N, C-alpha and C. Protein backbone atom coordinates (compact mmCIF):
# COMPACT_ATOMS: atom_id res chain seq x y z
N MET A 1 -2.97 16.26 0.69
CA MET A 1 -1.90 16.44 -0.24
C MET A 1 -1.12 17.69 0.13
N ARG A 2 0.11 17.70 -0.23
CA ARG A 2 0.97 18.80 0.16
C ARG A 2 1.39 19.65 -1.04
N GLY A 3 0.47 19.87 -1.99
CA GLY A 3 0.77 20.71 -3.13
C GLY A 3 1.74 20.08 -4.12
N HIS A 4 1.65 18.80 -4.31
CA HIS A 4 2.54 18.10 -5.23
C HIS A 4 1.81 16.91 -5.85
N GLU A 5 2.50 16.25 -6.75
CA GLU A 5 1.95 15.03 -7.33
C GLU A 5 1.75 14.02 -6.20
N PRO A 6 0.55 13.47 -6.05
CA PRO A 6 0.31 12.52 -4.96
C PRO A 6 1.25 11.31 -5.04
N MET A 7 1.79 10.91 -3.90
CA MET A 7 2.64 9.73 -3.84
C MET A 7 1.94 8.63 -3.07
N ILE A 8 1.81 7.50 -3.72
CA ILE A 8 1.20 6.34 -3.10
C ILE A 8 2.31 5.33 -2.83
N LEU A 9 2.44 4.94 -1.59
CA LEU A 9 3.39 3.91 -1.19
C LEU A 9 2.65 2.58 -1.16
N VAL A 10 3.06 1.67 -2.01
CA VAL A 10 2.48 0.33 -2.01
C VAL A 10 3.47 -0.56 -1.28
N LEU A 11 2.99 -1.19 -0.23
CA LEU A 11 3.84 -2.00 0.63
C LEU A 11 3.32 -3.43 0.67
N ASP A 12 4.21 -4.39 0.46
CA ASP A 12 3.83 -5.80 0.52
C ASP A 12 5.07 -6.63 0.82
N GLY A 13 4.82 -7.88 1.12
CA GLY A 13 5.89 -8.83 1.39
C GLY A 13 5.59 -10.13 0.69
N GLN A 14 6.19 -11.21 1.20
CA GLN A 14 6.00 -12.54 0.61
C GLN A 14 6.30 -12.46 -0.89
N GLY A 15 5.39 -12.89 -1.74
CA GLY A 15 5.62 -12.83 -3.19
C GLY A 15 5.16 -11.54 -3.83
N GLY A 16 4.55 -10.65 -3.04
CA GLY A 16 4.11 -9.36 -3.55
C GLY A 16 2.84 -9.40 -4.37
N GLY A 17 2.04 -10.45 -4.24
CA GLY A 17 0.84 -10.59 -5.06
C GLY A 17 -0.18 -9.50 -4.86
N VAL A 18 -0.49 -9.14 -3.61
CA VAL A 18 -1.46 -8.08 -3.35
C VAL A 18 -0.89 -6.75 -3.83
N GLY A 19 0.37 -6.49 -3.52
CA GLY A 19 1.01 -5.26 -3.97
C GLY A 19 1.06 -5.15 -5.48
N ARG A 20 1.34 -6.24 -6.14
CA ARG A 20 1.36 -6.25 -7.61
C ARG A 20 -0.01 -5.90 -8.17
N ALA A 21 -1.05 -6.53 -7.64
CA ALA A 21 -2.41 -6.29 -8.12
C ALA A 21 -2.85 -4.85 -7.83
N LEU A 22 -2.52 -4.34 -6.66
CA LEU A 22 -2.85 -2.95 -6.33
C LEU A 22 -2.11 -1.98 -7.25
N THR A 23 -0.84 -2.22 -7.47
CA THR A 23 -0.05 -1.35 -8.34
C THR A 23 -0.63 -1.31 -9.74
N ALA A 24 -0.99 -2.46 -10.28
CA ALA A 24 -1.56 -2.51 -11.63
C ALA A 24 -2.88 -1.74 -11.70
N ARG A 25 -3.73 -1.90 -10.70
CA ARG A 25 -5.01 -1.18 -10.70
C ARG A 25 -4.81 0.33 -10.53
N LEU A 26 -3.92 0.71 -9.65
CA LEU A 26 -3.63 2.12 -9.45
C LEU A 26 -3.08 2.75 -10.73
N ARG A 27 -2.15 2.07 -11.37
CA ARG A 27 -1.54 2.59 -12.59
C ARG A 27 -2.60 2.76 -13.69
N GLU A 28 -3.50 1.81 -13.78
CA GLU A 28 -4.54 1.85 -14.80
C GLU A 28 -5.54 2.99 -14.56
N ARG A 29 -5.99 3.12 -13.31
CA ARG A 29 -7.07 4.07 -13.01
C ARG A 29 -6.60 5.44 -12.57
N LEU A 30 -5.39 5.55 -12.08
CA LEU A 30 -4.84 6.82 -11.61
C LEU A 30 -3.44 7.05 -12.19
N PRO A 31 -3.36 7.22 -13.49
CA PRO A 31 -2.03 7.32 -14.12
C PRO A 31 -1.21 8.53 -13.67
N GLN A 32 -1.87 9.54 -13.10
CA GLN A 32 -1.17 10.76 -12.69
C GLN A 32 -0.42 10.61 -11.37
N VAL A 33 -0.70 9.58 -10.60
CA VAL A 33 -0.06 9.47 -9.29
C VAL A 33 1.33 8.84 -9.41
N HIS A 34 2.14 9.15 -8.42
CA HIS A 34 3.47 8.56 -8.34
C HIS A 34 3.37 7.34 -7.43
N ILE A 35 3.74 6.19 -7.93
CA ILE A 35 3.66 4.94 -7.16
C ILE A 35 5.06 4.52 -6.77
N ARG A 36 5.28 4.44 -5.47
CA ARG A 36 6.55 3.96 -4.93
C ARG A 36 6.30 2.61 -4.28
N ALA A 37 6.94 1.59 -4.79
CA ALA A 37 6.78 0.24 -4.26
C ALA A 37 7.87 -0.04 -3.23
N VAL A 38 7.46 -0.52 -2.07
CA VAL A 38 8.43 -0.95 -1.06
C VAL A 38 8.07 -2.36 -0.65
N GLY A 39 8.98 -3.26 -0.90
CA GLY A 39 8.77 -4.65 -0.54
C GLY A 39 9.51 -5.02 0.72
N ALA A 40 8.91 -5.89 1.49
CA ALA A 40 9.60 -6.42 2.66
C ALA A 40 10.74 -7.34 2.21
N ASN A 41 10.69 -7.77 0.94
CA ASN A 41 11.75 -8.59 0.36
C ASN A 41 11.87 -8.21 -1.12
N SER A 42 12.94 -8.64 -1.76
CA SER A 42 13.19 -8.23 -3.15
C SER A 42 12.18 -8.82 -4.13
N ALA A 43 11.63 -9.99 -3.85
CA ALA A 43 10.63 -10.58 -4.76
C ALA A 43 9.37 -9.72 -4.79
N ALA A 44 8.95 -9.23 -3.63
CA ALA A 44 7.76 -8.37 -3.57
C ALA A 44 8.02 -7.06 -4.30
N THR A 45 9.18 -6.47 -4.09
CA THR A 45 9.52 -5.21 -4.78
C THR A 45 9.52 -5.43 -6.28
N GLU A 46 10.15 -6.47 -6.73
CA GLU A 46 10.22 -6.79 -8.17
C GLU A 46 8.83 -6.96 -8.77
N ALA A 47 7.94 -7.66 -8.08
CA ALA A 47 6.58 -7.88 -8.58
C ALA A 47 5.85 -6.55 -8.77
N MET A 48 6.02 -5.63 -7.82
CA MET A 48 5.33 -4.34 -7.90
C MET A 48 5.94 -3.45 -8.99
N LEU A 49 7.25 -3.52 -9.17
CA LEU A 49 7.88 -2.77 -10.25
C LEU A 49 7.40 -3.26 -11.61
N LYS A 50 7.30 -4.55 -11.77
CA LYS A 50 6.81 -5.12 -13.03
C LYS A 50 5.37 -4.72 -13.31
N ALA A 51 4.60 -4.46 -12.24
CA ALA A 51 3.19 -4.08 -12.39
C ALA A 51 3.02 -2.59 -12.71
N GLY A 52 4.13 -1.82 -12.69
CA GLY A 52 4.03 -0.42 -13.08
C GLY A 52 4.41 0.62 -12.06
N ALA A 53 5.00 0.22 -10.93
CA ALA A 53 5.46 1.21 -9.96
C ALA A 53 6.54 2.08 -10.59
N ASP A 54 6.57 3.35 -10.21
CA ASP A 54 7.57 4.27 -10.74
C ASP A 54 8.97 3.98 -10.23
N GLU A 55 9.03 3.52 -9.00
CA GLU A 55 10.32 3.22 -8.39
C GLU A 55 10.09 2.25 -7.23
N GLY A 56 11.17 1.64 -6.78
CA GLY A 56 11.00 0.67 -5.70
C GLY A 56 12.22 0.59 -4.81
N ALA A 57 11.99 0.10 -3.62
CA ALA A 57 13.05 -0.13 -2.64
C ALA A 57 12.62 -1.32 -1.79
N THR A 58 13.58 -1.85 -1.05
CA THR A 58 13.32 -3.07 -0.29
C THR A 58 13.81 -2.94 1.15
N GLY A 59 13.03 -3.47 2.07
CA GLY A 59 13.49 -3.64 3.43
C GLY A 59 12.94 -2.65 4.44
N GLU A 60 13.31 -2.91 5.68
CA GLU A 60 12.81 -2.13 6.81
C GLU A 60 13.12 -0.65 6.68
N ASN A 61 14.36 -0.30 6.37
CA ASN A 61 14.71 1.11 6.32
C ASN A 61 13.95 1.83 5.22
N ALA A 62 13.70 1.15 4.11
CA ALA A 62 12.92 1.76 3.02
C ALA A 62 11.51 2.11 3.49
N VAL A 63 10.92 1.27 4.32
CA VAL A 63 9.59 1.56 4.86
C VAL A 63 9.67 2.72 5.84
N VAL A 64 10.63 2.69 6.73
CA VAL A 64 10.77 3.73 7.75
C VAL A 64 11.01 5.10 7.11
N VAL A 65 11.78 5.15 6.04
CA VAL A 65 12.08 6.41 5.37
C VAL A 65 10.91 6.90 4.54
N ASN A 66 10.23 6.00 3.84
CA ASN A 66 9.21 6.41 2.88
C ASN A 66 7.80 6.55 3.44
N ALA A 67 7.46 5.85 4.50
CA ALA A 67 6.11 5.94 5.05
C ALA A 67 5.72 7.37 5.43
N PRO A 68 6.59 8.14 6.09
CA PRO A 68 6.20 9.51 6.45
C PRO A 68 6.02 10.44 5.24
N ARG A 69 6.58 10.07 4.10
CA ARG A 69 6.52 10.90 2.89
C ARG A 69 5.30 10.62 2.03
N ALA A 70 4.58 9.55 2.34
CA ALA A 70 3.49 9.09 1.48
C ALA A 70 2.18 9.83 1.78
N ASP A 71 1.45 10.11 0.71
CA ASP A 71 0.09 10.64 0.86
C ASP A 71 -0.88 9.51 1.17
N PHE A 72 -0.60 8.34 0.61
CA PHE A 72 -1.40 7.13 0.84
C PHE A 72 -0.44 5.97 1.02
N ILE A 73 -0.80 5.05 1.91
CA ILE A 73 -0.06 3.80 2.06
C ILE A 73 -1.06 2.68 1.84
N VAL A 74 -0.77 1.81 0.89
CA VAL A 74 -1.69 0.72 0.58
C VAL A 74 -0.96 -0.61 0.63
N GLY A 75 -1.73 -1.64 0.96
CA GLY A 75 -1.19 -2.99 1.01
C GLY A 75 -2.13 -3.88 1.80
N PRO A 76 -1.71 -5.09 2.06
CA PRO A 76 -2.53 -5.98 2.89
C PRO A 76 -2.59 -5.45 4.32
N VAL A 77 -3.65 -5.77 5.03
CA VAL A 77 -3.83 -5.30 6.40
C VAL A 77 -2.65 -5.68 7.28
N ALA A 78 -1.93 -6.69 6.93
CA ALA A 78 -0.78 -7.15 7.70
C ALA A 78 0.31 -6.09 7.84
N ILE A 79 0.34 -5.09 6.97
CA ILE A 79 1.38 -4.05 7.08
C ILE A 79 1.23 -3.22 8.35
N LEU A 80 0.10 -3.37 9.02
CA LEU A 80 -0.13 -2.64 10.27
C LEU A 80 0.27 -3.45 11.50
N MET A 81 0.67 -4.69 11.29
CA MET A 81 0.92 -5.62 12.40
C MET A 81 2.39 -6.02 12.50
N PRO A 82 3.02 -5.76 13.65
CA PRO A 82 4.40 -6.24 13.82
C PRO A 82 4.46 -7.76 13.69
N ASN A 83 5.48 -8.23 13.05
CA ASN A 83 5.79 -9.66 12.89
C ASN A 83 4.84 -10.40 11.95
N ALA A 84 4.03 -9.67 11.20
CA ALA A 84 3.11 -10.30 10.25
C ALA A 84 3.88 -10.76 9.01
N LEU A 85 3.16 -11.40 8.12
CA LEU A 85 3.72 -11.96 6.88
C LEU A 85 4.94 -12.84 7.18
N LEU A 86 4.72 -13.77 8.08
CA LEU A 86 5.75 -14.71 8.51
C LEU A 86 6.98 -14.02 9.08
N GLY A 87 6.76 -12.87 9.72
CA GLY A 87 7.85 -12.13 10.35
C GLY A 87 8.48 -11.08 9.47
N GLU A 88 8.03 -10.93 8.24
CA GLU A 88 8.64 -9.94 7.35
C GLU A 88 8.34 -8.50 7.76
N ILE A 89 7.20 -8.26 8.37
CA ILE A 89 6.86 -6.91 8.81
C ILE A 89 7.41 -6.74 10.22
N THR A 90 8.47 -6.00 10.32
CA THR A 90 9.13 -5.80 11.62
C THR A 90 8.33 -4.79 12.45
N PRO A 91 8.56 -4.77 13.74
CA PRO A 91 7.89 -3.76 14.56
C PRO A 91 8.16 -2.33 14.07
N ALA A 92 9.37 -2.05 13.62
CA ALA A 92 9.69 -0.70 13.12
C ALA A 92 8.88 -0.38 11.86
N MET A 93 8.68 -1.36 11.00
CA MET A 93 7.89 -1.14 9.79
C MET A 93 6.44 -0.84 10.15
N ALA A 94 5.85 -1.64 11.01
CA ALA A 94 4.45 -1.44 11.40
C ALA A 94 4.29 -0.09 12.09
N GLN A 95 5.25 0.30 12.91
CA GLN A 95 5.19 1.59 13.60
C GLN A 95 5.29 2.73 12.59
N ALA A 96 6.16 2.61 11.59
CA ALA A 96 6.31 3.66 10.58
C ALA A 96 5.02 3.82 9.78
N VAL A 97 4.40 2.72 9.43
CA VAL A 97 3.14 2.78 8.68
C VAL A 97 2.05 3.39 9.55
N GLY A 98 1.90 2.87 10.76
CA GLY A 98 0.85 3.37 11.65
C GLY A 98 1.05 4.82 12.04
N GLY A 99 2.27 5.28 12.13
CA GLY A 99 2.56 6.65 12.53
C GLY A 99 2.56 7.65 11.40
N SER A 100 2.48 7.19 10.18
CA SER A 100 2.48 8.08 9.03
C SER A 100 1.20 8.92 8.99
N GLN A 101 1.32 10.16 8.54
CA GLN A 101 0.16 11.03 8.37
C GLN A 101 -0.63 10.66 7.12
N GLY A 102 -0.03 9.87 6.23
CA GLY A 102 -0.72 9.45 5.02
C GLY A 102 -1.92 8.57 5.34
N MET A 103 -2.90 8.60 4.44
CA MET A 103 -4.08 7.74 4.60
C MET A 103 -3.68 6.28 4.35
N LYS A 104 -4.03 5.43 5.29
CA LYS A 104 -3.77 4.00 5.14
C LYS A 104 -5.02 3.34 4.57
N VAL A 105 -4.85 2.63 3.44
CA VAL A 105 -5.95 1.92 2.82
C VAL A 105 -5.47 0.47 2.67
N VAL A 106 -6.07 -0.42 3.46
CA VAL A 106 -5.56 -1.79 3.51
C VAL A 106 -6.59 -2.78 2.97
N VAL A 107 -6.05 -3.86 2.46
CA VAL A 107 -6.87 -4.93 1.90
C VAL A 107 -6.99 -6.03 2.95
N PRO A 108 -8.22 -6.43 3.31
CA PRO A 108 -8.39 -7.50 4.29
C PRO A 108 -7.78 -8.82 3.80
N SER A 109 -7.32 -9.59 4.75
CA SER A 109 -6.77 -10.91 4.44
C SER A 109 -6.96 -11.79 5.66
N ASN A 110 -7.43 -12.99 5.44
CA ASN A 110 -7.62 -13.93 6.54
C ASN A 110 -6.31 -14.59 6.95
N ARG A 111 -5.25 -14.37 6.21
CA ARG A 111 -3.99 -15.06 6.45
C ARG A 111 -3.16 -14.45 7.56
N CYS A 112 -3.54 -13.28 8.06
CA CYS A 112 -2.69 -12.61 9.04
C CYS A 112 -3.28 -12.60 10.45
N GLY A 113 -4.35 -13.33 10.67
CA GLY A 113 -4.93 -13.40 12.00
C GLY A 113 -5.81 -12.23 12.37
N ILE A 114 -6.14 -11.38 11.41
CA ILE A 114 -7.06 -10.28 11.66
C ILE A 114 -8.33 -10.56 10.86
N ARG A 115 -9.45 -10.50 11.53
CA ARG A 115 -10.75 -10.63 10.86
C ARG A 115 -11.42 -9.28 10.90
N ILE A 116 -11.88 -8.81 9.78
CA ILE A 116 -12.59 -7.54 9.68
C ILE A 116 -14.07 -7.84 9.60
N ALA A 117 -14.83 -7.23 10.49
CA ALA A 117 -16.26 -7.50 10.54
C ALA A 117 -16.91 -7.09 9.23
N GLY A 118 -17.90 -7.83 8.86
CA GLY A 118 -18.60 -7.54 7.61
C GLY A 118 -18.57 -8.75 6.69
N GLU A 119 -19.18 -8.57 5.58
CA GLU A 119 -19.29 -9.65 4.62
C GLU A 119 -17.96 -9.87 3.88
N GLU A 120 -17.51 -11.10 3.83
CA GLU A 120 -16.30 -11.40 3.07
C GLU A 120 -16.59 -11.28 1.59
N GLN A 121 -15.60 -10.77 0.86
CA GLN A 121 -15.73 -10.59 -0.57
C GLN A 121 -14.51 -11.19 -1.26
N PRO A 122 -14.62 -11.40 -2.56
CA PRO A 122 -13.45 -11.87 -3.31
C PRO A 122 -12.34 -10.80 -3.26
N LEU A 123 -11.09 -11.22 -3.33
CA LEU A 123 -9.95 -10.31 -3.26
C LEU A 123 -10.06 -9.20 -4.29
N ARG A 124 -10.49 -9.49 -5.49
CA ARG A 124 -10.57 -8.47 -6.54
C ARG A 124 -11.48 -7.31 -6.13
N ARG A 125 -12.55 -7.60 -5.38
CA ARG A 125 -13.44 -6.52 -4.92
C ARG A 125 -12.74 -5.64 -3.88
N TYR A 126 -11.99 -6.26 -2.99
CA TYR A 126 -11.23 -5.48 -2.02
C TYR A 126 -10.21 -4.59 -2.72
N LEU A 127 -9.54 -5.15 -3.73
CA LEU A 127 -8.54 -4.38 -4.47
C LEU A 127 -9.18 -3.19 -5.17
N ASP A 128 -10.30 -3.43 -5.83
CA ASP A 128 -11.01 -2.33 -6.51
C ASP A 128 -11.49 -1.29 -5.52
N SER A 129 -11.98 -1.72 -4.37
CA SER A 129 -12.45 -0.80 -3.34
C SER A 129 -11.30 0.07 -2.83
N CYS A 130 -10.13 -0.51 -2.68
CA CYS A 130 -8.94 0.22 -2.25
C CYS A 130 -8.65 1.37 -3.21
N VAL A 131 -8.67 1.09 -4.51
CA VAL A 131 -8.41 2.13 -5.51
C VAL A 131 -9.54 3.16 -5.52
N ASP A 132 -10.78 2.71 -5.36
CA ASP A 132 -11.92 3.64 -5.30
C ASP A 132 -11.74 4.65 -4.17
N ILE A 133 -11.32 4.19 -3.01
CA ILE A 133 -11.13 5.07 -1.84
C ILE A 133 -10.08 6.14 -2.14
N ILE A 134 -8.98 5.73 -2.75
CA ILE A 134 -7.92 6.68 -3.08
C ILE A 134 -8.41 7.67 -4.14
N GLN A 135 -9.10 7.16 -5.14
CA GLN A 135 -9.62 8.01 -6.21
C GLN A 135 -10.57 9.08 -5.64
N GLU A 136 -11.46 8.68 -4.75
CA GLU A 136 -12.39 9.63 -4.13
C GLU A 136 -11.65 10.65 -3.28
N ALA A 137 -10.64 10.21 -2.54
CA ALA A 137 -9.87 11.14 -1.71
C ALA A 137 -9.14 12.16 -2.59
N LEU A 138 -8.61 11.72 -3.71
CA LEU A 138 -7.92 12.65 -4.62
C LEU A 138 -8.89 13.64 -5.23
N LYS A 139 -10.10 13.19 -5.57
CA LYS A 139 -11.12 14.10 -6.11
C LYS A 139 -11.49 15.15 -5.07
N GLY A 140 -11.64 14.72 -3.82
CA GLY A 140 -11.97 15.64 -2.74
C GLY A 140 -10.88 16.68 -2.52
N GLU A 141 -9.63 16.27 -2.61
CA GLU A 141 -8.51 17.19 -2.46
C GLU A 141 -8.49 18.19 -3.61
N ALA A 142 -8.74 17.72 -4.82
CA ALA A 142 -8.73 18.59 -6.00
C ALA A 142 -9.85 19.63 -5.89
N ALA A 143 -11.01 19.21 -5.40
CA ALA A 143 -12.15 20.12 -5.27
C ALA A 143 -11.89 21.18 -4.20
N ALA A 144 -11.12 20.82 -3.18
CA ALA A 144 -10.84 21.74 -2.08
C ALA A 144 -9.82 22.81 -2.46
N GLN A 145 -9.08 22.56 -3.52
CA GLN A 145 -8.01 23.52 -3.90
C GLN A 145 -8.52 24.62 -4.77
């Protein structure tokens, strides 16, 4: 953290279902954080805003501008892959996410051609684990200050 209110960038595409669920869980469990929703399309952005994001933007440039500013970037694992989500994640978006100094916390998905070793779990467990990781990182930062 850089001595400010933590900013979590929630990134998703398609219908924004994973981003919506992550935003709702983050808002519920970490009300003090600033949640910025960035959708690869307007439907995804809208879904995350309705779930409680503080603000939102849409498209490649929004990702490129906001990824370096984020303390955490969360979303489906596809946000790390160029041309994922049926082509919605552009190479520039994936590069901005991968190059960000913020901690990337991604939710596994079998739909993007990436298999993560280990036991498969229901989506809700992955979503809860994502929020747990961020919560623990914030506690560690607070203890270090």
